[in-house]
Full PDB file with SEQRES, HELIX, SHEET, SSBOND, CRYST1, ORIGX, SCALE, CONECT and MASTER records, all heavy atoms in Angstrom:
SEQRES   1 A   33  PRO GLY TYR TRP GLY GLN ALA LEU ALA HIS HIS HIS ARG          
SEQRES   2 A   33  THR GLY ARG SER ARG ASN TRP PHE GLY LEU VAL SER THR          
SEQRES   3 A   33  VAL ILE ASP ARG LYS LEU MET                                  
HELIX    1 AA1 TYR A    3  THR A   14  1                                  12    
HELIX    2 AA2 ARG A   16  ASN A   19  5                                   4    
CRYST1    1.000    1.000    1.000  90.00  90.00  90.00 P 1           1          
ORIGX1      1.000000  0.000000  0.000000        0.00000                         
ORIGX2      0.000000  1.000000  0.000000        0.00000                         
ORIGX3      0.000000  0.000000  1.000000        0.00000                         
SCALE1      1.000000  0.000000  0.000000        0.00000                         
SCALE2      0.000000  1.000000  0.000000        0.00000                         
SCALE3      0.000000  0.000000  1.000000        0.00000                         
ATOM      1  N   PRO A   1      -0.888   7.187 -26.240  1.00  0.00           N  
ATOM      2  CA  PRO A   1      -1.382   8.505 -25.833  1.00  0.00           C  
ATOM      3  C   PRO A   1      -2.378   8.499 -24.679  1.00  0.00           C  
ATOM      4  O   PRO A   1      -2.663   9.553 -24.105  1.00  0.00           O  
ATOM      5  CB  PRO A   1      -2.053   9.024 -27.110  1.00  0.00           C  
ATOM      6  CG  PRO A   1      -2.503   7.783 -27.825  1.00  0.00           C  
ATOM      7  CD  PRO A   1      -1.439   6.766 -27.543  1.00  0.00           C  
ATOM      8  N   GLY A   2      -2.926   7.330 -24.314  1.00  0.00           N  
ATOM      9  CA  GLY A   2      -3.932   7.275 -23.261  1.00  0.00           C  
ATOM     10  C   GLY A   2      -3.386   7.682 -21.896  1.00  0.00           C  
ATOM     11  O   GLY A   2      -2.207   7.465 -21.595  1.00  0.00           O  
ATOM     12  N   TYR A   3      -4.245   8.265 -21.070  1.00  0.00           N  
ATOM     13  CA  TYR A   3      -3.822   8.767 -19.764  1.00  0.00           C  
ATOM     14  C   TYR A   3      -3.163   7.692 -18.912  1.00  0.00           C  
ATOM     15  O   TYR A   3      -2.086   7.917 -18.324  1.00  0.00           O  
ATOM     16  CB  TYR A   3      -5.029   9.342 -19.000  1.00  0.00           C  
ATOM     17  CG  TYR A   3      -4.709   9.684 -17.549  1.00  0.00           C  
ATOM     18  CD1 TYR A   3      -4.088  10.880 -17.228  1.00  0.00           C  
ATOM     19  CD2 TYR A   3      -5.001   8.779 -16.521  1.00  0.00           C  
ATOM     20  CE1 TYR A   3      -3.767  11.185 -15.899  1.00  0.00           C  
ATOM     21  CE2 TYR A   3      -4.685   9.069 -15.200  1.00  0.00           C  
ATOM     22  CZ  TYR A   3      -4.081  10.272 -14.885  1.00  0.00           C  
ATOM     23  OH  TYR A   3      -3.757  10.557 -13.585  1.00  0.00           O  
ATOM     24  N   TRP A   4      -3.768   6.508 -18.815  1.00  0.00           N  
ATOM     25  CA  TRP A   4      -3.272   5.500 -17.889  1.00  0.00           C  
ATOM     26  C   TRP A   4      -1.942   4.921 -18.342  1.00  0.00           C  
ATOM     27  O   TRP A   4      -1.071   4.624 -17.516  1.00  0.00           O  
ATOM     28  CB  TRP A   4      -4.318   4.411 -17.684  1.00  0.00           C  
ATOM     29  CG  TRP A   4      -5.516   4.961 -16.970  1.00  0.00           C  
ATOM     30  CD1 TRP A   4      -6.693   5.367 -17.531  1.00  0.00           C  
ATOM     31  CD2 TRP A   4      -5.622   5.243 -15.572  1.00  0.00           C  
ATOM     32  NE1 TRP A   4      -7.536   5.871 -16.558  1.00  0.00           N  
ATOM     33  CE2 TRP A   4      -6.906   5.812 -15.352  1.00  0.00           C  
ATOM     34  CE3 TRP A   4      -4.766   5.058 -14.488  1.00  0.00           C  
ATOM     35  CZ2 TRP A   4      -7.334   6.188 -14.079  1.00  0.00           C  
ATOM     36  CZ3 TRP A   4      -5.192   5.435 -13.225  1.00  0.00           C  
ATOM     37  CH2 TRP A   4      -6.460   5.996 -13.027  1.00  0.00           C  
ATOM     38  N   GLY A   5      -1.753   4.770 -19.645  1.00  0.00           N  
ATOM     39  CA  GLY A   5      -0.459   4.337 -20.146  1.00  0.00           C  
ATOM     40  C   GLY A   5       0.608   5.381 -19.904  1.00  0.00           C  
ATOM     41  O   GLY A   5       1.734   5.067 -19.489  1.00  0.00           O  
ATOM     42  N   GLN A   6       0.276   6.632 -20.162  1.00  0.00           N  
ATOM     43  CA  GLN A   6       1.231   7.717 -19.913  1.00  0.00           C  
ATOM     44  C   GLN A   6       1.584   7.782 -18.428  1.00  0.00           C  
ATOM     45  O   GLN A   6       2.745   8.025 -18.057  1.00  0.00           O  
ATOM     46  CB  GLN A   6       0.633   9.048 -20.369  1.00  0.00           C  
ATOM     47  CG  GLN A   6       0.535   9.205 -21.885  1.00  0.00           C  
ATOM     48  CD  GLN A   6       1.907   9.401 -22.520  1.00  0.00           C  
ATOM     49  OE1 GLN A   6       2.736  10.134 -22.005  1.00  0.00           O  
ATOM     50  NE2 GLN A   6       2.129   8.726 -23.640  1.00  0.00           N  
ATOM     51  N   ALA A   7       0.583   7.579 -17.565  1.00  0.00           N  
ATOM     52  CA  ALA A   7       0.831   7.627 -16.125  1.00  0.00           C  
ATOM     53  C   ALA A   7       1.717   6.466 -15.677  1.00  0.00           C  
ATOM     54  O   ALA A   7       2.623   6.644 -14.842  1.00  0.00           O  
ATOM     55  CB  ALA A   7      -0.495   7.603 -15.372  1.00  0.00           C  
ATOM     56  N   LEU A   8       1.462   5.278 -16.209  1.00  0.00           N  
ATOM     57  CA  LEU A   8       2.314   4.132 -15.888  1.00  0.00           C  
ATOM     58  C   LEU A   8       3.765   4.393 -16.296  1.00  0.00           C  
ATOM     59  O   LEU A   8       4.702   4.115 -15.538  1.00  0.00           O  
ATOM     60  CB  LEU A   8       1.799   2.874 -16.594  1.00  0.00           C  
ATOM     61  CG  LEU A   8       0.616   2.144 -15.959  1.00  0.00           C  
ATOM     62  CD1 LEU A   8       0.033   1.135 -16.938  1.00  0.00           C  
ATOM     63  CD2 LEU A   8       1.036   1.436 -14.668  1.00  0.00           C  
ATOM     64  N   ALA A   9       3.947   4.920 -17.509  1.00  0.00           N  
ATOM     65  CA  ALA A   9       5.296   5.207 -17.985  1.00  0.00           C  
ATOM     66  C   ALA A   9       5.971   6.253 -17.110  1.00  0.00           C  
ATOM     67  O   ALA A   9       7.152   6.144 -16.766  1.00  0.00           O  
ATOM     68  CB  ALA A   9       5.250   5.677 -19.439  1.00  0.00           C  
ATOM     69  N   HIS A  10       5.216   7.295 -16.734  1.00  0.00           N  
ATOM     70  CA  HIS A  10       5.750   8.336 -15.863  1.00  0.00           C  
ATOM     71  C   HIS A  10       6.186   7.742 -14.529  1.00  0.00           C  
ATOM     72  O   HIS A  10       7.277   8.051 -14.014  1.00  0.00           O  
ATOM     73  CB  HIS A  10       4.688   9.418 -15.643  1.00  0.00           C  
ATOM     74  CG  HIS A  10       5.064  10.425 -14.597  1.00  0.00           C  
ATOM     75  ND1 HIS A  10       5.941  11.455 -14.844  1.00  0.00           N  
ATOM     76  CD2 HIS A  10       4.684  10.543 -13.288  1.00  0.00           C  
ATOM     77  CE1 HIS A  10       6.087  12.178 -13.731  1.00  0.00           C  
ATOM     78  NE2 HIS A  10       5.344  11.643 -12.782  1.00  0.00           N  
ATOM     79  N   HIS A  11       5.358   6.867 -13.959  1.00  0.00           N  
ATOM     80  CA  HIS A  11       5.680   6.227 -12.679  1.00  0.00           C  
ATOM     81  C   HIS A  11       6.924   5.366 -12.808  1.00  0.00           C  
ATOM     82  O   HIS A  11       7.821   5.413 -11.953  1.00  0.00           O  
ATOM     83  CB  HIS A  11       4.488   5.394 -12.215  1.00  0.00           C  
ATOM     84  CG  HIS A  11       4.649   4.856 -10.829  1.00  0.00           C  
ATOM     85  ND1 HIS A  11       3.759   3.966 -10.267  1.00  0.00           N  
ATOM     86  CD2 HIS A  11       5.599   5.052  -9.876  1.00  0.00           C  
ATOM     87  CE1 HIS A  11       4.144   3.658  -9.042  1.00  0.00           C  
ATOM     88  NE2 HIS A  11       5.256   4.304  -8.788  1.00  0.00           N  
ATOM     89  N   HIS A  12       7.019   4.605 -13.877  1.00  0.00           N  
ATOM     90  CA  HIS A  12       8.181   3.744 -14.078  1.00  0.00           C  
ATOM     91  C   HIS A  12       9.461   4.561 -14.228  1.00  0.00           C  
ATOM     92  O   HIS A  12      10.522   4.155 -13.748  1.00  0.00           O  
ATOM     93  CB  HIS A  12       7.975   2.869 -15.322  1.00  0.00           C  
ATOM     94  CG  HIS A  12       7.130   1.657 -15.081  1.00  0.00           C  
ATOM     95  ND1 HIS A  12       7.499   0.392 -15.446  1.00  0.00           N  
ATOM     96  CD2 HIS A  12       5.911   1.515 -14.490  1.00  0.00           C  
ATOM     97  CE1 HIS A  12       6.565  -0.480 -15.104  1.00  0.00           C  
ATOM     98  NE2 HIS A  12       5.589   0.192 -14.528  1.00  0.00           N  
ATOM     99  N   ARG A  13       9.363   5.688 -14.901  1.00  0.00           N  
ATOM    100  CA  ARG A  13      10.553   6.506 -15.135  1.00  0.00           C  
ATOM    101  C   ARG A  13      11.012   7.251 -13.893  1.00  0.00           C  
ATOM    102  O   ARG A  13      12.197   7.521 -13.733  1.00  0.00           O  
ATOM    103  CB  ARG A  13      10.293   7.505 -16.266  1.00  0.00           C  
ATOM    104  CG  ARG A  13      10.181   6.887 -17.648  1.00  0.00           C  
ATOM    105  CD  ARG A  13      10.282   7.950 -18.735  1.00  0.00           C  
ATOM    106  NE  ARG A  13       9.201   8.917 -18.643  1.00  0.00           N  
ATOM    107  CZ  ARG A  13       8.077   8.836 -19.347  1.00  0.00           C  
ATOM    108  NH1 ARG A  13       7.885   7.817 -20.182  1.00  0.00           N  
ATOM    109  NH2 ARG A  13       7.140   9.759 -19.235  1.00  0.00           N  
ATOM    110  N   THR A  14      10.075   7.581 -13.000  1.00  0.00           N  
ATOM    111  CA  THR A  14      10.421   8.416 -11.847  1.00  0.00           C  
ATOM    112  C   THR A  14      10.428   7.669 -10.523  1.00  0.00           C  
ATOM    113  O   THR A  14      10.931   8.180  -9.525  1.00  0.00           O  
ATOM    114  CB  THR A  14       9.434   9.598 -11.723  1.00  0.00           C  
ATOM    115  OG1 THR A  14       8.093   9.081 -11.563  1.00  0.00           O  
ATOM    116  CG2 THR A  14       9.478  10.472 -12.975  1.00  0.00           C  
ATOM    117  N   GLY A  15       9.882   6.456 -10.488  1.00  0.00           N  
ATOM    118  CA  GLY A  15       9.790   5.701  -9.238  1.00  0.00           C  
ATOM    119  C   GLY A  15      11.095   5.024  -8.864  1.00  0.00           C  
ATOM    120  O   GLY A  15      11.960   4.779  -9.704  1.00  0.00           O  
ATOM    121  N   ARG A  16      11.226   4.715  -7.607  1.00  0.00           N  
ATOM    122  CA  ARG A  16      12.429   4.043  -7.119  1.00  0.00           C  
ATOM    123  C   ARG A  16      12.547   2.623  -7.640  1.00  0.00           C  
ATOM    124  O   ARG A  16      13.640   2.066  -7.702  1.00  0.00           O  
ATOM    125  CB  ARG A  16      12.420   4.043  -5.586  1.00  0.00           C  
ATOM    126  CG  ARG A  16      12.682   5.407  -4.981  1.00  0.00           C  
ATOM    127  CD  ARG A  16      12.698   5.358  -3.469  1.00  0.00           C  
ATOM    128  NE  ARG A  16      13.088   6.635  -2.900  1.00  0.00           N  
ATOM    129  CZ  ARG A  16      13.070   6.914  -1.608  1.00  0.00           C  
ATOM    130  NH1 ARG A  16      12.639   5.986  -0.753  1.00  0.00           N  
ATOM    131  NH2 ARG A  16      13.450   8.102  -1.154  1.00  0.00           N  
ATOM    132  N   SER A  17      11.433   2.030  -8.017  1.00  0.00           N  
ATOM    133  CA  SER A  17      11.451   0.635  -8.458  1.00  0.00           C  
ATOM    134  C   SER A  17      12.244   0.433  -9.741  1.00  0.00           C  
ATOM    135  O   SER A  17      12.613  -0.697 -10.065  1.00  0.00           O  
ATOM    136  CB  SER A  17      10.022   0.115  -8.645  1.00  0.00           C  
ATOM    137  OG  SER A  17       9.343   0.865  -9.622  1.00  0.00           O  
ATOM    138  N   ARG A  18      12.517   1.509 -10.464  1.00  0.00           N  
ATOM    139  CA  ARG A  18      13.304   1.356 -11.702  1.00  0.00           C  
ATOM    140  C   ARG A  18      14.710   0.857 -11.402  1.00  0.00           C  
ATOM    141  O   ARG A  18      15.406   0.333 -12.280  1.00  0.00           O  
ATOM    142  CB  ARG A  18      13.349   2.659 -12.496  1.00  0.00           C  
ATOM    143  CG  ARG A  18      14.158   3.777 -11.875  1.00  0.00           C  
ATOM    144  CD  ARG A  18      14.265   4.975 -12.809  1.00  0.00           C  
ATOM    145  NE  ARG A  18      15.070   4.645 -13.978  1.00  0.00           N  
ATOM    146  CZ  ARG A  18      14.876   5.144 -15.189  1.00  0.00           C  
ATOM    147  NH1 ARG A  18      13.875   5.966 -15.412  1.00  0.00           N  
ATOM    148  NH2 ARG A  18      15.658   4.821 -16.189  1.00  0.00           N  
ATOM    149  N   ASN A  19      15.159   0.996 -10.159  1.00  0.00           N  
ATOM    150  CA  ASN A  19      16.487   0.532  -9.765  1.00  0.00           C  
ATOM    151  C   ASN A  19      16.441  -0.795  -9.009  1.00  0.00           C  
ATOM    152  O   ASN A  19      17.448  -1.224  -8.463  1.00  0.00           O  
ATOM    153  CB  ASN A  19      17.177   1.592  -8.907  1.00  0.00           C  
ATOM    154  CG  ASN A  19      17.423   2.886  -9.672  1.00  0.00           C  
ATOM    155  OD1 ASN A  19      17.868   2.852 -10.811  1.00  0.00           O  
ATOM    156  ND2 ASN A  19      17.112   4.012  -9.058  1.00  0.00           N  
ATOM    157  N   TRP A  20      15.261  -1.425  -8.969  1.00  0.00           N  
ATOM    158  CA  TRP A  20      15.130  -2.718  -8.293  1.00  0.00           C  
ATOM    159  C   TRP A  20      15.327  -3.839  -9.301  1.00  0.00           C  
ATOM    160  O   TRP A  20      14.683  -3.871 -10.355  1.00  0.00           O  
ATOM    161  CB  TRP A  20      13.753  -2.851  -7.644  1.00  0.00           C  
ATOM    162  CG  TRP A  20      13.503  -1.873  -6.540  1.00  0.00           C  
ATOM    163  CD1 TRP A  20      14.401  -1.021  -5.980  1.00  0.00           C  
ATOM    164  CD2 TRP A  20      12.252  -1.647  -5.876  1.00  0.00           C  
ATOM    165  NE1 TRP A  20      13.792  -0.273  -5.004  1.00  0.00           N  
ATOM    166  CE2 TRP A  20      12.480  -0.634  -4.909  1.00  0.00           C  
ATOM    167  CE3 TRP A  20      10.975  -2.192  -5.992  1.00  0.00           C  
ATOM    168  CZ2 TRP A  20      11.473  -0.162  -4.078  1.00  0.00           C  
ATOM    169  CZ3 TRP A  20       9.981  -1.735  -5.163  1.00  0.00           C  
ATOM    170  CH2 TRP A  20      10.220  -0.733  -4.210  1.00  0.00           C  
ATOM    171  N   PHE A  21      16.186  -4.762  -8.961  1.00  0.00           N  
ATOM    172  CA  PHE A  21      16.449  -5.910  -9.827  1.00  0.00           C  
ATOM    173  C   PHE A  21      15.169  -6.704 -10.067  1.00  0.00           C  
ATOM    174  O   PHE A  21      14.391  -6.967  -9.151  1.00  0.00           O  
ATOM    175  CB  PHE A  21      17.506  -6.805  -9.177  1.00  0.00           C  
ATOM    176  CG  PHE A  21      17.706  -8.118  -9.879  1.00  0.00           C  
ATOM    177  CD1 PHE A  21      18.464  -8.191 -11.032  1.00  0.00           C  
ATOM    178  CD2 PHE A  21      17.123  -9.281  -9.384  1.00  0.00           C  
ATOM    179  CE1 PHE A  21      18.647  -9.416 -11.680  1.00  0.00           C  
ATOM    180  CE2 PHE A  21      17.300 -10.497 -10.015  1.00  0.00           C  
ATOM    181  CZ  PHE A  21      18.063 -10.565 -11.172  1.00  0.00           C  
ATOM    182  N   GLY A  22      14.951  -7.074 -11.321  1.00  0.00           N  
ATOM    183  CA  GLY A  22      13.790  -7.876 -11.698  1.00  0.00           C  
ATOM    184  C   GLY A  22      14.148  -8.816 -12.832  1.00  0.00           C  
ATOM    185  O   GLY A  22      15.325  -9.121 -13.055  1.00  0.00           O  
ATOM    186  N   LEU A  23      13.156  -9.250 -13.588  1.00  0.00           N  
ATOM    187  CA  LEU A  23      13.378 -10.318 -14.563  1.00  0.00           C  
ATOM    188  C   LEU A  23      12.948  -9.978 -15.980  1.00  0.00           C  
ATOM    189  O   LEU A  23      12.921 -10.854 -16.833  1.00  0.00           O  
ATOM    190  CB  LEU A  23      12.634 -11.577 -14.100  1.00  0.00           C  
ATOM    191  CG  LEU A  23      13.030 -12.125 -12.733  1.00  0.00           C  
ATOM    192  CD1 LEU A  23      12.083 -13.238 -12.320  1.00  0.00           C  
ATOM    193  CD2 LEU A  23      14.468 -12.627 -12.753  1.00  0.00           C  
ATOM    194  N   VAL A  24      12.616  -8.729 -16.250  1.00  0.00           N  
ATOM    195  CA  VAL A  24      12.051  -8.416 -17.566  1.00  0.00           C  
ATOM    196  C   VAL A  24      13.098  -8.391 -18.675  1.00  0.00           C  
ATOM    197  O   VAL A  24      12.769  -8.524 -19.853  1.00  0.00           O  
ATOM    198  CB  VAL A  24      11.295  -7.072 -17.536  1.00  0.00           C  
ATOM    199  CG1 VAL A  24      10.087  -7.148 -16.642  1.00  0.00           C  
ATOM    200  CG2 VAL A  24      12.199  -5.933 -17.092  1.00  0.00           C  
ATOM    201  N   SER A  25      14.365  -8.196 -18.323  1.00  0.00           N  
ATOM    202  CA  SER A  25      15.432  -8.115 -19.331  1.00  0.00           C  
ATOM    203  C   SER A  25      16.754  -8.465 -18.666  1.00  0.00           C  
ATOM    204  O   SER A  25      17.664  -7.649 -18.593  1.00  0.00           O  
ATOM    205  CB  SER A  25      15.497  -6.701 -19.926  1.00  0.00           C  
ATOM    206  OG  SER A  25      15.601  -5.730 -18.879  1.00  0.00           O  
ATOM    207  N   THR A  26      16.849  -9.708 -18.206  1.00  0.00           N  
ATOM    208  CA  THR A  26      17.901 -10.093 -17.264  1.00  0.00           C  
ATOM    209  C   THR A  26      18.739 -11.254 -17.773  1.00  0.00           C  
ATOM    210  O   THR A  26      18.205 -12.280 -18.203  1.00  0.00           O  
ATOM    211  CB  THR A  26      17.268 -10.473 -15.916  1.00  0.00           C  
ATOM    212  OG1 THR A  26      16.553  -9.344 -15.422  1.00  0.00           O  
ATOM    213  CG2 THR A  26      18.314 -10.913 -14.916  1.00  0.00           C  
ATOM    214  N   VAL A  27      20.065 -11.114 -17.692  1.00  0.00           N  
ATOM    215  CA  VAL A  27      20.966 -12.196 -18.057  1.00  0.00           C  
ATOM    216  C   VAL A  27      21.464 -12.866 -16.780  1.00  0.00           C  
ATOM    217  O   VAL A  27      21.771 -12.209 -15.781  1.00  0.00           O  
ATOM    218  CB  VAL A  27      22.144 -11.681 -18.913  1.00  0.00           C  
ATOM    219  CG1 VAL A  27      23.052 -10.730 -18.147  1.00  0.00           C  
ATOM    220  CG2 VAL A  27      22.942 -12.843 -19.479  1.00  0.00           C  
ATOM    221  N   ILE A  28      21.493 -14.206 -16.812  1.00  0.00           N  
ATOM    222  CA  ILE A  28      21.863 -14.988 -15.635  1.00  0.00           C  
ATOM    223  C   ILE A  28      22.436 -16.327 -16.099  1.00  0.00           C  
ATOM    224  O   ILE A  28      22.083 -16.828 -17.171  1.00  0.00           O  
ATOM    225  CB  ILE A  28      20.631 -15.196 -14.713  1.00  0.00           C  
ATOM    226  CG1 ILE A  28      21.015 -15.931 -13.420  1.00  0.00           C  
ATOM    227  CG2 ILE A  28      19.510 -15.934 -15.447  1.00  0.00           C  
ATOM    228  CD1 ILE A  28      19.900 -15.966 -12.386  1.00  0.00           C  
ATOM    229  N   ASP A  29      23.321 -16.884 -15.302  1.00  0.00           N  
ATOM    230  CA  ASP A  29      23.868 -18.206 -15.584  1.00  0.00           C  
ATOM    231  C   ASP A  29      22.741 -19.248 -15.555  1.00  0.00           C  
ATOM    232  O   ASP A  29      21.932 -19.267 -14.625  1.00  0.00           O  
ATOM    233  CB  ASP A  29      24.933 -18.542 -14.544  1.00  0.00           C  
ATOM    234  CG  ASP A  29      25.571 -19.898 -14.772  1.00  0.00           C  
ATOM    235  OD1 ASP A  29      25.025 -20.896 -14.261  1.00  0.00           O  
ATOM    236  OD2 ASP A  29      26.612 -19.949 -15.446  1.00  0.00           O  
ATOM    237  N   ARG A  30      22.688 -20.082 -16.565  1.00  0.00           N  
ATOM    238  CA  ARG A  30      21.598 -21.054 -16.687  1.00  0.00           C  
ATOM    239  C   ARG A  30      21.526 -21.987 -15.477  1.00  0.00           C  
ATOM    240  O   ARG A  30      20.456 -22.205 -14.903  1.00  0.00           O  
ATOM    241  CB  ARG A  30      21.781 -21.881 -17.961  1.00  0.00           C  
ATOM    242  CG  ARG A  30      20.756 -23.003 -18.121  1.00  0.00           C  
ATOM    243  CD  ARG A  30      21.074 -23.862 -19.348  1.00  0.00           C  
ATOM    244  NE  ARG A  30      20.081 -24.909 -19.520  1.00  0.00           N  
ATOM    245  CZ  ARG A  30      20.140 -26.100 -18.910  1.00  0.00           C  
ATOM    246  NH1 ARG A  30      21.161 -26.368 -18.105  1.00  0.00           N  
ATOM    247  NH2 ARG A  30      19.202 -27.003 -19.113  1.00  0.00           N  
ATOM    248  N   LYS A  31      22.660 -22.544 -15.074  1.00  0.00           N  
ATOM    249  CA  LYS A  31      22.665 -23.484 -13.953  1.00  0.00           C  
ATOM    250  C   LYS A  31      22.232 -22.788 -12.661  1.00  0.00           C  
ATOM    251  O   LYS A  31      21.470 -23.351 -11.858  1.00  0.00           O  
ATOM    252  CB  LYS A  31      24.047 -24.104 -13.785  1.00  0.00           C  
ATOM    253  CG  LYS A  31      24.097 -25.164 -12.683  1.00  0.00           C  
ATOM    254  CD  LYS A  31      25.478 -25.790 -12.584  1.00  0.00           C  
ATOM    255  CE  LYS A  31      25.499 -26.911 -11.537  1.00  0.00           C  
ATOM    256  NZ  LYS A  31      25.098 -26.440 -10.201  1.00  0.00           N  
ATOM    257  N   LEU A  32      22.708 -21.570 -12.462  1.00  0.00           N  
ATOM    258  CA  LEU A  32      22.321 -20.833 -11.262  1.00  0.00           C  
ATOM    259  C   LEU A  32      20.819 -20.601 -11.240  1.00  0.00           C  
ATOM    260  O   LEU A  32      20.168 -20.765 -10.200  1.00  0.00           O  
ATOM    261  CB  LEU A  32      23.061 -19.494 -11.209  1.00  0.00           C  
ATOM    262  CG  LEU A  32      22.661 -18.561 -10.059  1.00  0.00           C  
ATOM    263  CD1 LEU A  32      22.974 -19.190  -8.713  1.00  0.00           C  
ATOM    264  CD2 LEU A  32      23.363 -17.202 -10.207  1.00  0.00           C  
ATOM    265  N   MET A  33      20.243 -20.238 -12.372  1.00  0.00           N  
ATOM    266  CA  MET A  33      18.808 -19.978 -12.442  1.00  0.00           C  
ATOM    267  C   MET A  33      18.023 -21.233 -12.091  1.00  0.00           C  
ATOM    268  O   MET A  33      17.038 -21.184 -11.354  1.00  0.00           O  
ATOM    269  CB  MET A  33      18.433 -19.484 -13.842  1.00  0.00           C  
ATOM    270  CG  MET A  33      16.968 -19.083 -14.001  1.00  0.00           C  
ATOM    271  SD  MET A  33      16.503 -17.588 -13.109  1.00  0.00           S  
ATOM    272  CE  MET A  33      15.646 -18.270 -11.702  1.00  0.00           C  
TER     273      MET A  33                                                      
MASTER        0    0    0    2    0    0    0    6  272    1    0    3          
END                                                                             
């Protein structure tokens, strides 16, 4: 419920970075990695 957490979530949901590939939940070939 805190303001800064709510703001972070809002930014993540509406920002363009949500469509940028990252590593938080990513499947990849072991050898390639």
